[in-house]
């Protein structure tokens, strides 16, 4: 192939690598000025039959278009051309000058914990974009991850889907099948080896690279527990419990036990060592800014910029709230308790005063003003936890997508479209039946996994309806009335048995100088103790008969638009901030 010219344009210079799925060459583009270098990948079906070739051509075109779209990212090579010549398939991609990670991860070399976390974040930030495009890499390993020379950034190469062309064949029954599983042993989990890769299959491969870097042992040499299938590695390195737990979850044998969401994984990595949370979310943004500054200013100015940037970004850490309890409740699928804990966390994040939270039972909670106080980090953390443990079924962003799909707009309330949204997620019946017009009460919510998509979480708002005011005033009036009746009964008893009580006070006075005063004090205290005992009993009874559900009646769901319009707008603001940070 050396010196061969493909398509009268791409001249092959040398062979870069050869594997079971094809050969990669270094080439030069003869049509462009200065003849820039590029990479040519040569693929060919192993089955020469015409039917296989036609299917391979269709698959090749589809995967090439996917690679072209992925190449829009700065850390994925651009697709320059793709074509078929003499029943052979060729991809032409941007040449990345640098080296692959086998120069950093190799047998005997052990990374520190912070180095491993840094490497994980670098890879996951790019992989996150790949997964957002609904693409699975399928062949992540050190050889397929480059360190670019110009800016020292990670670049993902050699996506696995296009390699299926090599393994295409036709069975005796006439069905097309793939005979070779795409992937590399040691980095390929069971479901991928069976030909059914998941997004978390890529997470498994990244986890294996991290363990390889941490232990200095090749991934293919690591042993697995015969009974559980889990990788045995912690006996070869002294790693923290947090990192060990994260890596164990990344490489769990059963795919459902792994992280299903890269954002959740990045958030957990951000809590390890000295790596601040801002580095996870704004790493790309700051690195680009600092790279540009280095070209314009001297080293001193650049160092000062880095220092001030670090101080500002590290301050973001203190906006985070403790979601440990919510995490545990969601992991245990205790949806009702998790929904209540979400309200508590949101109120803390919105800095709602204790007095407002105390009267939250009467409908005082989140509103358009305090929702703005919730930081994007807190909002995203809560949302990601709900999505992670519901397999993408529950969460604010899930609700928002349905909200927009049903014709709603942030900060705008339209009764008809909001009813469609509520019917879609199960907050309202499709028929306007009953006094509430089909709207559900809080006690009718489905706190189970079988609930409609987007059904949870539900937040307490500051919207107070007629029933909220009426029931709240009625409850307070009943307490005042009870106190009046009780006082009247005490006075009547005192008049009836006043002589007996006075005789008792006289006896106490004879026994002690202040006996009568002490006796009257004890009597008053007993009266109030009995009153408060009755009051607590009534409050307990009110909880049993679910008075709080009566108070939180229709407004809880039918007037939920009072927070959701603003919450949807806040999610948009957070997306804009994240988009800007990635530029």
Protein backbone atom coordinates (compact mmCIF):
# COMPACT_ATOMS: atom_id res chain seq x y z
CA UNK A 1 0.00 0.00 0.00
CA UNK A 2 2.93 2.37 0.52
CA UNK A 3 3.08 5.13 -2.16
CA UNK A 4 -0.34 4.08 -3.47
CA UNK A 5 -2.65 7.00 -4.27
CA UNK A 6 -6.30 6.52 -3.35
CA UNK A 7 -9.04 8.37 -5.19
CA UNK A 8 -6.32 10.31 -7.06
CA UNK A 9 -5.79 12.36 -3.93
CA UNK A 10 -4.57 10.55 -0.81
CA UNK A 11 -1.02 9.21 -1.04
CA UNK A 12 -0.13 6.47 1.47
CA UNK A 13 3.14 7.23 3.28
CA UNK A 14 3.44 4.48 5.88
CA UNK A 15 1.52 1.97 7.96
CA UNK A 16 0.56 3.20 11.45
CA UNK A 17 -1.07 0.06 12.76
CA UNK A 18 -2.78 -3.19 11.87
CA UNK A 19 -5.44 -5.14 13.75
CA UNK A 20 -8.15 -7.72 13.31
CA UNK A 21 -10.57 -5.12 11.97
CA UNK A 22 -8.39 -3.31 9.43
CA UNK A 23 -5.24 -1.32 8.77
CA UNK A 24 -4.42 2.32 9.50
CA UNK A 25 -2.08 4.35 7.31
CA UNK A 26 -0.43 7.76 7.44
CA UNK A 27 -1.16 9.61 4.22
CA UNK A 28 -0.85 13.04 2.64
CA UNK A 29 -3.56 15.07 0.90
CA UNK A 30 -2.24 15.97 -2.55
CA UNK A 31 -5.09 18.35 -3.35
CA UNK A 32 -4.53 20.79 -0.52
CA UNK A 33 -1.71 23.37 -0.21
CA UNK A 34 1.34 22.15 1.72
CA UNK A 35 -0.03 18.57 1.42
CA UNK A 36 -1.20 18.16 5.03
CA UNK A 37 -0.99 14.75 6.63
CA UNK A 38 -4.08 12.67 7.37
CA UNK A 39 -5.01 9.18 8.56
CA UNK A 40 -6.55 6.57 6.23
CA UNK A 41 -8.37 3.58 7.71
CA UNK A 42 -8.80 0.60 5.42
CA UNK A 43 -11.77 -1.72 6.10
CA UNK A 44 -13.02 -4.72 4.16
CA UNK A 45 -15.65 -7.41 4.87
CA UNK A 46 -14.14 -10.83 5.51
CA UNK A 47 -17.07 -12.42 3.62
CA UNK A 48 -16.75 -11.64 -0.12
CA UNK A 49 -20.38 -12.49 -1.07
CA UNK A 50 -22.31 -9.65 -2.82
CA UNK A 51 -25.14 -9.64 -0.26
CA UNK A 52 -22.65 -9.07 2.55
CA UNK A 53 -20.97 -6.28 0.58
CA UNK A 54 -24.25 -4.40 0.08
CA UNK A 55 -25.08 -4.59 3.79
CA UNK A 56 -21.52 -3.57 4.67
CA UNK A 57 -21.79 -0.56 2.34
CA UNK A 58 -25.02 0.57 4.01
CA UNK A 59 -23.47 0.14 7.46
CA UNK A 60 -20.31 1.96 6.35
CA UNK A 61 -22.28 4.98 5.07
CA UNK A 62 -24.30 5.16 8.28
CA UNK A 63 -21.29 4.95 10.61
CA UNK A 64 -19.29 7.40 8.50
CA UNK A 65 -22.04 10.01 8.90
CA UNK A 66 -21.95 9.40 12.65
CA UNK A 67 -18.18 9.94 12.71
CA UNK A 68 -18.61 13.13 10.69
CA UNK A 69 -21.03 14.46 13.32
CA UNK A 70 -18.77 13.41 16.22
CA UNK A 71 -15.82 15.15 14.55
CA UNK A 72 -17.41 18.50 15.33
CA UNK A 73 -16.02 18.10 18.86
CA UNK A 74 -12.56 19.57 19.40
CA UNK A 75 -11.25 16.34 20.96
CA UNK A 76 -12.45 13.89 18.30
CA UNK A 77 -10.69 13.73 14.87
CA UNK A 78 -12.61 15.32 11.99
CA UNK A 79 -13.78 13.04 9.20
CA UNK A 80 -12.33 14.45 5.97
CA UNK A 81 -13.70 11.88 3.52
CA UNK A 82 -15.10 8.37 3.17
CA UNK A 83 -15.36 6.29 0.01
CA UNK A 84 -15.43 2.80 -1.50
CA UNK A 85 -12.81 1.70 -4.02
CA UNK A 86 -12.50 -1.78 -5.52
CA UNK A 87 -15.00 -3.10 -2.95
CA UNK A 88 -12.77 -1.85 -0.14
CA UNK A 89 -13.87 0.83 2.32
CA UNK A 90 -11.74 3.81 3.35
CA UNK A 91 -12.11 6.50 6.00
CA UNK A 92 -9.94 9.64 5.87
CA UNK A 93 -9.58 11.46 9.16
CA UNK A 94 -7.66 14.36 10.66
CA UNK A 95 -4.13 13.42 11.77
CA UNK A 96 -3.59 13.97 15.49
CA UNK A 97 0.02 14.71 16.32
CA UNK A 98 0.89 13.26 19.70
CA UNK A 99 1.05 9.86 21.36
CA UNK A 100 -1.42 7.28 22.67
CA UNK A 101 -1.86 6.51 26.36
CA UNK A 102 0.29 3.38 26.21
CA UNK A 103 3.15 5.85 26.71
CA UNK A 104 1.59 6.85 30.05
CA UNK A 105 -0.11 3.61 31.18
CA UNK A 106 2.19 0.62 31.07
CA UNK A 107 3.17 -2.40 33.14
CA UNK A 108 4.98 -1.55 36.37
CA UNK A 109 4.09 2.16 36.45
CA UNK A 110 1.64 3.17 39.17
CA UNK A 111 -0.33 6.42 39.06
CA UNK A 112 -1.11 8.37 42.22
CA UNK A 113 -4.78 8.64 43.21
CA UNK A 114 -5.00 12.27 42.10
CA UNK A 115 -3.41 11.41 38.74
CA UNK A 116 -5.96 8.66 38.18
CA UNK A 117 -8.86 10.98 39.05
CA UNK A 118 -7.48 13.64 36.69
CA UNK A 119 -7.10 11.12 33.86
CA UNK A 120 -10.61 9.75 34.44
CA UNK A 121 -12.15 13.21 34.27
CA UNK A 122 -10.23 14.07 31.09
CA UNK A 123 -11.54 10.95 29.33
CA UNK A 124 -15.08 11.15 30.72
CA UNK A 125 -15.54 14.77 29.66
CA UNK A 126 -15.07 13.76 26.01
CA UNK A 127 -16.96 10.48 26.39
CA UNK A 128 -19.90 12.44 27.82
CA UNK A 129 -20.25 14.25 24.47
CA UNK A 130 -20.08 10.95 22.58
CA UNK A 131 -22.88 9.47 24.68
CA UNK A 132 -24.97 12.63 24.29
CA UNK A 133 -24.92 11.93 20.54
CA UNK A 134 -26.34 8.46 21.30
CA UNK A 135 -23.08 6.78 20.28
CA UNK A 136 -21.16 4.03 22.11
CA UNK A 137 -17.40 3.99 21.44
CA UNK A 138 -17.11 0.19 21.98
CA UNK A 139 -13.31 0.02 21.89
CA UNK A 140 -11.90 2.29 24.57
CA UNK A 141 -8.36 1.32 25.57
CA UNK A 142 -5.02 3.18 25.98
CA UNK A 143 -4.15 2.58 22.28
CA UNK A 144 -7.33 4.39 21.18
CA UNK A 145 -6.86 7.48 23.33
CA UNK A 146 -4.35 10.09 22.17
CA UNK A 147 -2.57 12.84 24.07
CA UNK A 148 -2.45 15.75 21.60
CA UNK A 149 0.94 17.43 21.41
CA UNK A 150 -0.30 20.97 20.78
CA UNK A 151 -2.40 21.38 23.96
CA UNK A 152 -1.83 18.15 25.95
CA UNK A 153 -5.52 17.23 25.68
CA UNK A 154 -7.15 13.82 25.38
CA UNK A 155 -8.46 12.83 21.92
CA UNK A 156 -10.68 9.76 21.35
CA UNK A 157 -9.94 7.81 18.18
CA UNK A 158 -10.82 4.53 16.45
CA UNK A 159 -14.55 4.22 17.23
CA UNK A 160 -15.67 0.62 17.22
CA UNK A 161 -19.05 0.66 15.44
CA UNK A 162 -17.55 0.95 11.96
CA UNK A 163 -15.41 -2.14 12.64
CA UNK A 164 -18.52 -4.35 12.48
CA UNK A 165 -18.01 -4.35 8.70
CA UNK A 166 -15.08 -6.75 9.10
CA UNK A 167 -17.18 -9.35 10.94
CA UNK A 168 -20.26 -9.30 8.67
CA UNK A 169 -21.40 -12.62 7.22
CA UNK A 170 -24.56 -14.44 6.10
CA UNK A 171 -25.83 -17.54 7.89
CA UNK A 172 -27.14 -20.67 6.15
CA UNK A 173 -30.68 -19.37 6.76
CA UNK A 174 -29.86 -16.18 4.85
CA UNK A 175 -29.66 -13.88 7.87
CA UNK A 176 -26.90 -11.32 8.24
CA UNK A 177 -24.88 -11.56 11.43
CA UNK A 178 -21.66 -10.26 12.98
CA UNK A 179 -19.19 -13.01 13.79
CA UNK A 180 -16.66 -10.92 15.73
CA UNK A 181 -17.51 -8.90 18.85
CA UNK A 182 -16.13 -5.37 18.59
CA UNK A 183 -13.88 -4.58 21.53
CA UNK A 184 -10.66 -5.64 23.25
CA UNK A 185 -10.41 -8.38 25.91
CA UNK A 186 -9.68 -6.89 29.31
CA UNK A 187 -11.60 -3.71 28.49
CA UNK A 188 -14.73 -5.38 27.11
CA UNK A 189 -17.53 -6.35 29.57
CA UNK A 190 -19.75 -9.41 29.19
CA UNK A 191 -22.72 -7.73 27.51
CA UNK A 192 -20.42 -6.24 24.86
CA UNK A 193 -18.75 -9.59 24.25
CA UNK A 194 -22.26 -10.98 23.68
CA UNK A 195 -22.85 -8.33 21.01
CA UNK A 196 -25.16 -6.14 23.14
CA UNK A 197 -23.06 -3.13 24.22
CA UNK A 198 -24.53 -0.45 26.51
CA UNK A 199 -23.42 3.08 27.30
CA UNK A 200 -22.08 1.76 30.60
CA UNK A 201 -19.87 -0.66 28.59
CA UNK A 202 -17.69 2.36 27.80
CA UNK A 203 -17.67 3.28 31.49
CA UNK A 204 -16.43 -0.26 32.23
CA UNK A 205 -13.53 0.19 29.78
CA UNK A 206 -12.55 3.54 31.32
CA UNK A 207 -12.71 1.98 34.79
CA UNK A 208 -10.40 -0.84 33.69
CA UNK A 209 -7.89 1.70 32.35
CA UNK A 210 -8.01 3.53 35.69
CA UNK A 211 -7.37 0.29 37.61
CA UNK A 212 -4.54 -0.54 35.19
CA UNK A 213 -2.98 2.89 35.82
CA UNK A 214 -3.43 2.61 39.59
CA UNK A 215 -2.05 -0.92 39.98
CA UNK A 216 0.54 -1.02 37.18
CA UNK A 217 -0.98 -4.35 36.03
CA UNK A 218 -2.33 -4.87 32.52
CA UNK A 219 -6.11 -5.08 32.32
CA UNK A 220 -5.94 -8.49 30.62
CA UNK A 221 -3.87 -9.83 33.54
CA UNK A 222 -6.29 -8.78 36.28
CA UNK A 223 -8.20 -11.70 37.81
CA UNK A 224 -11.95 -11.85 38.48
CA UNK A 225 -13.76 -13.40 41.44
CA UNK A 226 -15.21 -16.72 40.22
CA UNK A 227 -18.36 -16.43 42.32
CA UNK A 228 -19.23 -12.77 41.68
CA UNK A 229 -17.34 -11.94 38.49
CA UNK A 230 -15.95 -8.76 40.08
CA UNK A 231 -12.38 -7.65 39.30
CA UNK A 232 -9.81 -8.35 42.06
CA UNK A 233 -7.46 -5.38 42.26
CA UNK A 234 -7.59 -3.64 45.67
CA UNK A 235 -5.03 -6.05 47.16
CA UNK A 236 -2.38 -4.62 44.79
CA UNK A 237 -2.66 -0.94 45.72
CA UNK A 238 -3.52 1.26 48.70
CA UNK A 239 -6.49 3.26 47.38
CA UNK A 240 -9.00 5.33 49.36
CA UNK A 241 -12.42 3.87 50.10
CA UNK A 242 -14.13 6.51 47.96
CA UNK A 243 -12.06 5.81 44.86
CA UNK A 244 -12.26 2.04 45.42
CA UNK A 245 -16.05 2.22 45.63
CA UNK A 246 -16.25 4.33 42.44
CA UNK A 247 -13.94 2.04 40.44
CA UNK A 248 -15.72 -1.10 41.67
CA UNK A 249 -19.01 0.37 40.48
CA UNK A 250 -17.51 1.35 37.11
CA UNK A 251 -16.31 -2.22 36.46
CA UNK A 252 -19.23 -4.09 38.04
CA UNK A 253 -19.81 -7.43 36.30
CA UNK A 254 -23.55 -6.83 35.75
CA UNK A 255 -24.21 -3.76 33.61
CA UNK A 256 -27.17 -2.52 35.67
CA UNK A 257 -24.89 -2.23 38.72
CA UNK A 258 -22.59 0.26 36.95
CA UNK A 259 -22.97 4.01 36.58
CA UNK A 260 -25.63 4.72 33.97
CA UNK A 261 -24.86 8.42 33.80
CA UNK A 262 -21.45 10.03 33.24
CA UNK A 263 -22.48 13.24 35.03
CA UNK A 264 -23.15 11.32 38.25
CA UNK A 265 -19.75 9.63 37.94
CA UNK A 266 -17.94 12.94 37.38
CA UNK A 267 -19.68 14.48 40.39
CA UNK A 268 -18.50 11.65 42.64
CA UNK A 269 -14.94 11.86 41.31
CA UNK A 270 -14.96 15.57 42.12
CA UNK A 271 -15.25 14.77 45.81
CA UNK A 272 -11.98 12.81 45.88
CA UNK A 273 -8.61 14.23 46.83
CA UNK A 274 -7.73 17.81 46.01
CA UNK A 275 -9.54 17.94 42.69
CA UNK A 276 -12.09 20.76 43.04
CA UNK A 277 -15.57 20.45 41.61
CA UNK A 278 -15.07 23.37 39.23
CA UNK A 279 -12.42 21.31 37.45
CA UNK A 280 -15.09 18.80 36.50
CA UNK A 281 -17.57 21.24 35.02
CA UNK A 282 -15.39 24.02 33.66
CA UNK A 283 -12.14 22.19 32.91
CA UNK A 284 -12.40 22.61 29.15
CA UNK A 285 -13.38 26.26 29.41
CA UNK A 286 -10.56 27.28 31.74
CA UNK A 287 -7.92 25.27 29.91
CA UNK A 288 -8.80 26.99 26.62
CA UNK A 289 -8.81 30.43 28.24
CA UNK A 290 -5.46 29.85 29.92
CA UNK A 291 -4.03 28.44 26.71
CA UNK A 292 -4.95 31.63 24.86
CA UNK A 293 -3.63 33.80 27.68
CA UNK A 294 -0.28 32.03 27.52
CA UNK A 295 0.13 33.17 23.92
CA UNK A 296 -0.49 36.82 24.79
CA UNK A 297 0.95 37.35 28.26
CA UNK A 298 4.12 36.38 30.04
CA UNK A 299 4.29 33.51 32.52
CA UNK A 300 3.75 35.72 35.59
CA UNK A 301 0.48 37.15 34.30
CA UNK A 302 -0.64 33.69 33.28
CA UNK A 303 0.08 32.27 36.75
CA UNK A 304 -1.87 35.08 38.40
CA UNK A 305 -4.83 34.37 36.13
CA UNK A 306 -4.74 30.69 37.04
CA UNK A 307 -4.57 31.50 40.75
CA UNK A 308 -7.49 33.94 40.71
CA UNK A 309 -9.52 31.58 38.55
CA UNK A 310 -8.90 28.73 40.98
CA UNK A 311 -9.98 30.81 43.97
CA UNK A 312 -13.22 31.88 42.29
CA UNK A 313 -14.04 28.41 41.03
CA UNK A 314 -13.19 26.66 44.30
CA UNK A 315 -15.75 28.87 46.01
CA UNK A 316 -18.40 27.03 44.00
CA UNK A 317 -17.75 23.97 46.11
CA UNK A 318 -19.45 25.56 49.10
CA UNK A 319 -22.69 25.89 47.17
CA UNK A 320 -23.05 22.13 47.23
CA UNK A 321 -25.52 20.59 49.64
CA UNK A 322 -25.50 17.28 51.41
CA UNK A 323 -27.45 14.82 49.26
CA UNK A 324 -26.30 11.71 51.11
CA UNK A 325 -29.73 10.94 52.53
CA UNK A 326 -31.42 11.54 49.18
CA UNK A 327 -28.84 9.29 47.52
CA UNK A 328 -29.54 6.47 49.99
CA UNK A 329 -33.33 6.82 49.69
CA UNK A 330 -33.23 6.79 45.89
CA UNK A 331 -30.81 3.86 45.86
CA UNK A 332 -33.30 1.96 48.04
CA UNK A 333 -36.13 3.15 45.72
CA UNK A 334 -38.01 4.73 48.61
CA UNK A 335 -39.63 7.21 46.27
CA UNK A 336 -42.02 8.83 48.78
CA UNK A 337 -39.32 9.58 51.34
CA UNK A 338 -36.96 10.68 48.55
CA UNK A 339 -39.59 13.10 47.26
CA UNK A 340 -39.94 14.66 50.72
CA UNK A 341 -36.15 14.82 51.15
CA UNK A 342 -35.90 16.55 47.76
CA UNK A 343 -38.25 19.27 49.04
CA UNK A 344 -36.13 19.73 52.16
CA UNK A 345 -32.90 19.96 50.12
CA UNK A 346 -34.45 22.36 47.61
CA UNK A 347 -35.66 24.61 50.43
CA UNK A 348 -32.17 24.62 51.95
CA UNK A 349 -30.62 25.38 48.58
CA UNK A 350 -33.15 28.19 48.04
CA UNK A 351 -32.32 29.55 51.52
CA UNK A 352 -35.93 29.48 52.69
CA UNK A 353 -36.17 30.67 56.31
CA UNK A 354 -37.16 28.26 59.05
CA UNK A 355 -40.44 30.06 59.68
CA UNK A 356 -41.51 29.53 56.07
CA UNK A 357 -40.51 25.88 56.25
CA UNK A 358 -42.42 25.46 59.51
CA UNK A 359 -45.59 26.71 57.87
CA UNK A 360 -44.86 24.73 54.70
CA UNK A 361 -47.77 22.47 55.64
CA UNK A 362 -50.06 25.39 54.76
CA UNK A 363 -48.57 25.74 51.31
CA UNK A 364 -45.58 28.03 51.79
CA UNK A 365 -42.43 26.87 50.03
CA UNK A 366 -40.67 27.40 46.69
CA UNK A 367 -41.64 30.33 44.49
CA UNK A 368 -40.37 32.27 41.50
CA UNK A 369 -37.95 34.27 43.63
CA UNK A 370 -36.26 31.64 45.79
CA UNK A 371 -35.97 29.13 42.91
CA UNK A 372 -33.44 31.57 41.41
CA UNK A 373 -31.32 31.16 44.56
CA UNK A 374 -30.74 27.47 43.82
CA UNK A 375 -27.33 27.03 42.22
CA UNK A 376 -27.02 25.07 38.98
CA UNK A 377 -24.67 22.63 40.70
CA UNK A 378 -27.26 21.79 43.37
CA UNK A 379 -30.10 21.56 40.86
CA UNK A 380 -28.12 19.31 38.53
CA UNK A 381 -26.96 17.07 41.39
CA UNK A 382 -30.53 16.47 42.56
CA UNK A 383 -31.72 15.92 38.99
CA UNK A 384 -28.91 13.48 38.20
CA UNK A 385 -29.57 11.44 41.33
CA UNK A 386 -33.24 11.04 40.38
CA UNK A 387 -32.33 10.12 36.81
CA UNK A 388 -29.60 7.70 37.83
CA UNK A 389 -31.66 5.63 40.25
CA UNK A 390 -34.82 5.66 38.14
CA UNK A 391 -32.97 4.70 34.94
CA UNK A 392 -33.88 8.03 33.36
CA UNK A 393 -37.58 7.82 34.29
CA UNK A 394 -37.81 10.54 36.94
CA UNK A 395 -36.11 13.92 37.37
CA UNK A 396 -36.51 17.63 36.63
CA UNK A 397 -34.90 17.46 33.18
CA UNK A 398 -37.19 14.54 32.26
CA UNK A 399 -40.20 16.60 33.35
CA UNK A 400 -38.89 19.63 31.49
CA UNK A 401 -38.53 17.70 28.23
CA UNK A 402 -42.13 16.46 28.48
CA UNK A 403 -43.19 19.99 29.47
CA UNK A 404 -41.68 21.40 26.27
CA UNK A 405 -42.87 18.48 24.11
CA UNK A 406 -46.48 19.19 25.12
CA UNK A 407 -46.28 22.77 23.83
CA UNK A 408 -45.36 24.64 27.03
CA UNK A 409 -42.77 27.39 27.32
CA UNK A 410 -40.66 28.46 30.34
CA UNK A 411 -42.14 31.41 32.29
CA UNK A 412 -45.40 31.08 30.37
CA UNK A 413 -48.55 29.41 31.69
CA UNK A 414 -51.19 28.18 29.30
CA UNK A 415 -53.96 26.18 30.89
CA UNK A 416 -54.59 23.81 27.97
CA UNK A 417 -50.96 22.86 27.31
CA UNK A 418 -50.18 22.54 31.02
CA UNK A 419 -53.09 20.14 31.40
CA UNK A 420 -51.62 18.05 28.55
CA UNK A 421 -48.29 18.00 30.36
CA UNK A 422 -49.93 16.97 33.65
CA UNK A 423 -51.94 14.22 31.94
CA UNK A 424 -48.77 12.93 30.29
CA UNK A 425 -46.88 12.56 33.59
CA UNK A 426 -49.90 11.37 35.59
CA UNK A 427 -50.69 14.43 37.71
CA UNK A 428 -54.13 14.73 36.16
CA UNK A 429 -56.70 12.31 34.79
CA UNK A 430 -57.57 12.69 31.12
CA UNK A 431 -61.23 13.20 32.05
CA UNK A 432 -62.26 16.31 33.98
CA UNK A 433 -64.17 14.36 36.61
CA UNK A 434 -64.99 15.23 40.22
CA UNK A 435 -64.80 18.49 42.13
CA UNK A 436 -61.09 18.80 41.38
CA UNK A 437 -61.54 18.45 37.61
CA UNK A 438 -59.46 15.29 37.40
CA UNK A 439 -56.44 16.67 39.29
CA UNK A 440 -54.84 14.25 41.75
CA UNK A 441 -54.30 14.86 45.45
CA UNK A 442 -50.88 14.32 47.00
CA UNK A 443 -52.11 11.05 48.53
CA UNK A 444 -52.98 9.81 45.01
CA UNK A 445 -49.43 10.16 43.67
CA UNK A 446 -47.77 6.92 42.62
CA UNK A 447 -44.57 6.50 44.63
CA UNK A 448 -43.50 3.41 42.74
CA UNK A 449 -41.21 2.57 39.81
CA UNK A 450 -44.27 1.81 37.67
CA UNK A 451 -45.35 5.49 37.83
CA UNK A 452 -45.56 7.34 34.50
CA UNK A 453 -42.36 8.86 33.13
CA UNK A 454 -41.73 12.25 34.77
CA UNK A 455 -44.24 11.61 37.57
CA UNK A 456 -41.67 12.45 40.26
CA UNK A 457 -40.38 14.51 41.99
CA UNK A 458 -43.20 16.84 43.08
CA UNK A 459 -42.28 20.04 44.91
CA UNK A 460 -44.17 22.11 47.51
CA UNK A 461 -44.83 25.59 46.16
CA UNK A 462 -45.89 28.86 47.71
CA UNK A 463 -49.16 28.85 45.77
CA UNK A 464 -51.96 28.94 48.37
CA UNK A 465 -55.40 27.95 47.12
CA UNK A 466 -58.81 28.49 48.69
CA UNK A 467 -58.81 25.12 50.39
CA UNK A 468 -55.34 25.74 51.83
CA UNK A 469 -56.47 29.01 53.44
CA UNK A 470 -59.83 27.64 54.51
CA UNK A 471 -58.44 24.48 56.10
CA UNK A 472 -55.56 26.35 57.70
CA UNK A 473 -57.87 28.95 59.28
CA UNK A 474 -60.30 26.24 60.32
CA UNK A 475 -57.53 24.31 62.02
CA UNK A 476 -56.22 27.39 63.87
CA UNK A 477 -59.76 28.42 64.86
CA UNK A 478 -60.45 24.96 66.24
CA UNK A 479 -57.36 25.22 68.46
CA UNK A 480 -58.46 28.63 69.77
CA UNK A 481 -61.98 27.30 70.31
CA UNK A 482 -60.64 24.25 72.10
CA UNK A 483 -58.62 26.44 74.44
CA UNK A 484 -61.74 28.53 75.22
CA UNK A 485 -63.89 25.48 75.95
CA UNK A 486 -61.17 23.96 78.07
CA UNK A 487 -60.74 27.18 80.07
CA UNK A 488 -64.50 27.35 80.63
CA UNK A 489 -64.59 23.74 81.91
CA UNK A 490 -61.67 24.37 84.26
CA UNK A 491 -63.43 27.42 85.72
CA UNK A 492 -66.67 25.48 86.18
CA UNK A 493 -64.84 22.70 87.97
CA UNK A 494 -63.12 25.24 90.14
CA UNK A 495 -66.45 26.79 91.16
CA UNK A 496 -67.97 23.36 91.88
CA UNK A 497 -65.03 21.98 93.79
CA UNK A 498 -63.60 25.34 94.88
CA UNK A 499 -64.21 24.67 98.60
CA UNK A 500 -62.32 21.40 98.48
CA UNK A 501 -59.42 23.02 96.66
CA UNK A 502 -59.32 25.97 99.09
CA UNK A 503 -59.26 23.58 102.06
CA UNK A 504 -56.34 21.82 100.40
CA UNK A 505 -54.52 25.16 99.99
CA UNK A 506 -55.16 26.00 103.69
CA UNK A 507 -53.71 22.70 104.80
CA UNK A 508 -50.64 23.36 102.67
CA UNK A 509 -50.36 26.87 104.15
CA UNK A 510 -50.35 25.47 107.68
CA UNK A 511 -47.62 23.02 106.71
CA UNK A 512 -45.45 25.61 104.95
CA UNK A 513 -45.21 29.38 104.84
CA UNK A 514 -45.64 29.47 101.04
CA UNK A 515 -47.67 26.26 100.82
CA UNK A 516 -50.80 27.91 99.35
CA UNK A 517 -48.76 29.72 96.67
CA UNK A 518 -46.92 26.54 95.72
CA UNK A 519 -50.20 24.62 95.58
CA UNK A 520 -51.81 27.16 93.25
CA UNK A 521 -48.70 27.10 91.02
CA UNK A 522 -48.84 23.32 90.79
CA UNK A 523 -52.56 23.52 89.99
CA UNK A 524 -52.00 25.97 87.12
CA UNK A 525 -49.13 23.87 85.73
CA UNK A 526 -51.29 20.73 85.81
CA UNK A 527 -54.06 22.59 83.98
CA UNK A 528 -51.69 23.59 81.16
CA UNK A 529 -50.06 20.13 80.98
CA UNK A 530 -53.46 18.53 80.53
CA UNK A 531 -54.37 21.12 77.86
CA UNK A 532 -51.20 20.58 75.85
CA UNK A 533 -51.58 16.80 76.18
CA UNK A 534 -55.04 17.09 74.62
CA UNK A 535 -53.67 19.43 71.92
CA UNK A 536 -50.86 17.01 71.01
CA UNK A 537 -53.38 14.19 70.87
CA UNK A 538 -55.50 16.18 68.41
CA UNK A 539 -52.46 16.99 66.25
CA UNK A 540 -51.58 13.30 66.23
CA UNK A 541 -55.15 12.45 65.23
CA UNK A 542 -54.99 15.10 62.48
CA UNK A 543 -51.89 13.40 61.04
CA UNK A 544 -53.67 10.05 61.11
CA UNK A 545 -56.65 11.42 59.21
CA UNK A 546 -54.15 13.12 56.85
CA UNK A 547 -55.14 16.69 57.57
CA UNK A 548 -52.02 17.74 55.71
CA UNK A 549 -53.40 16.10 52.56
CA UNK A 550 -56.62 18.10 52.96
CA UNK A 551 -54.59 21.29 53.33
CA UNK A 552 -52.39 20.40 50.34
CA UNK A 553 -55.34 19.62 48.15
CA UNK A 554 -55.82 20.89 44.66
CA UNK A 555 -53.01 23.43 44.62
CA UNK A 556 -50.42 20.73 45.11
CA UNK A 557 -50.83 19.44 41.57
CA UNK A 558 -53.21 21.67 39.61
CA UNK A 559 -51.33 24.79 40.67
CA UNK A 560 -47.91 23.17 40.37
CA UNK A 561 -47.36 25.49 37.40
CA UNK A 562 -46.56 28.18 39.97
CA UNK A 563 -43.13 26.60 40.39
CA UNK A 564 -42.71 24.52 37.25
CA UNK A 565 -42.71 27.46 34.81
CA UNK A 566 -39.87 29.04 36.80
CA UNK A 567 -38.09 25.74 37.40
CA UNK A 568 -38.08 25.04 33.66
CA UNK A 569 -36.61 28.51 33.06
CA UNK A 570 -33.95 27.89 35.74
CA UNK A 571 -32.96 24.62 34.04
CA UNK A 572 -32.58 26.56 30.77
CA UNK A 573 -30.35 29.10 32.54
CA UNK A 574 -28.20 26.29 33.92
CA UNK A 575 -27.88 24.74 30.45
CA UNK A 576 -26.78 28.11 29.07
CA UNK A 577 -24.19 28.49 31.84
CA UNK A 578 -22.88 24.96 31.20
CA UNK A 579 -22.80 25.61 27.43
CA UNK A 580 -20.81 28.81 27.96
CA UNK A 581 -18.43 26.99 30.30
CA UNK A 582 -17.71 24.36 27.66
CA UNK A 583 -16.73 26.93 25.05
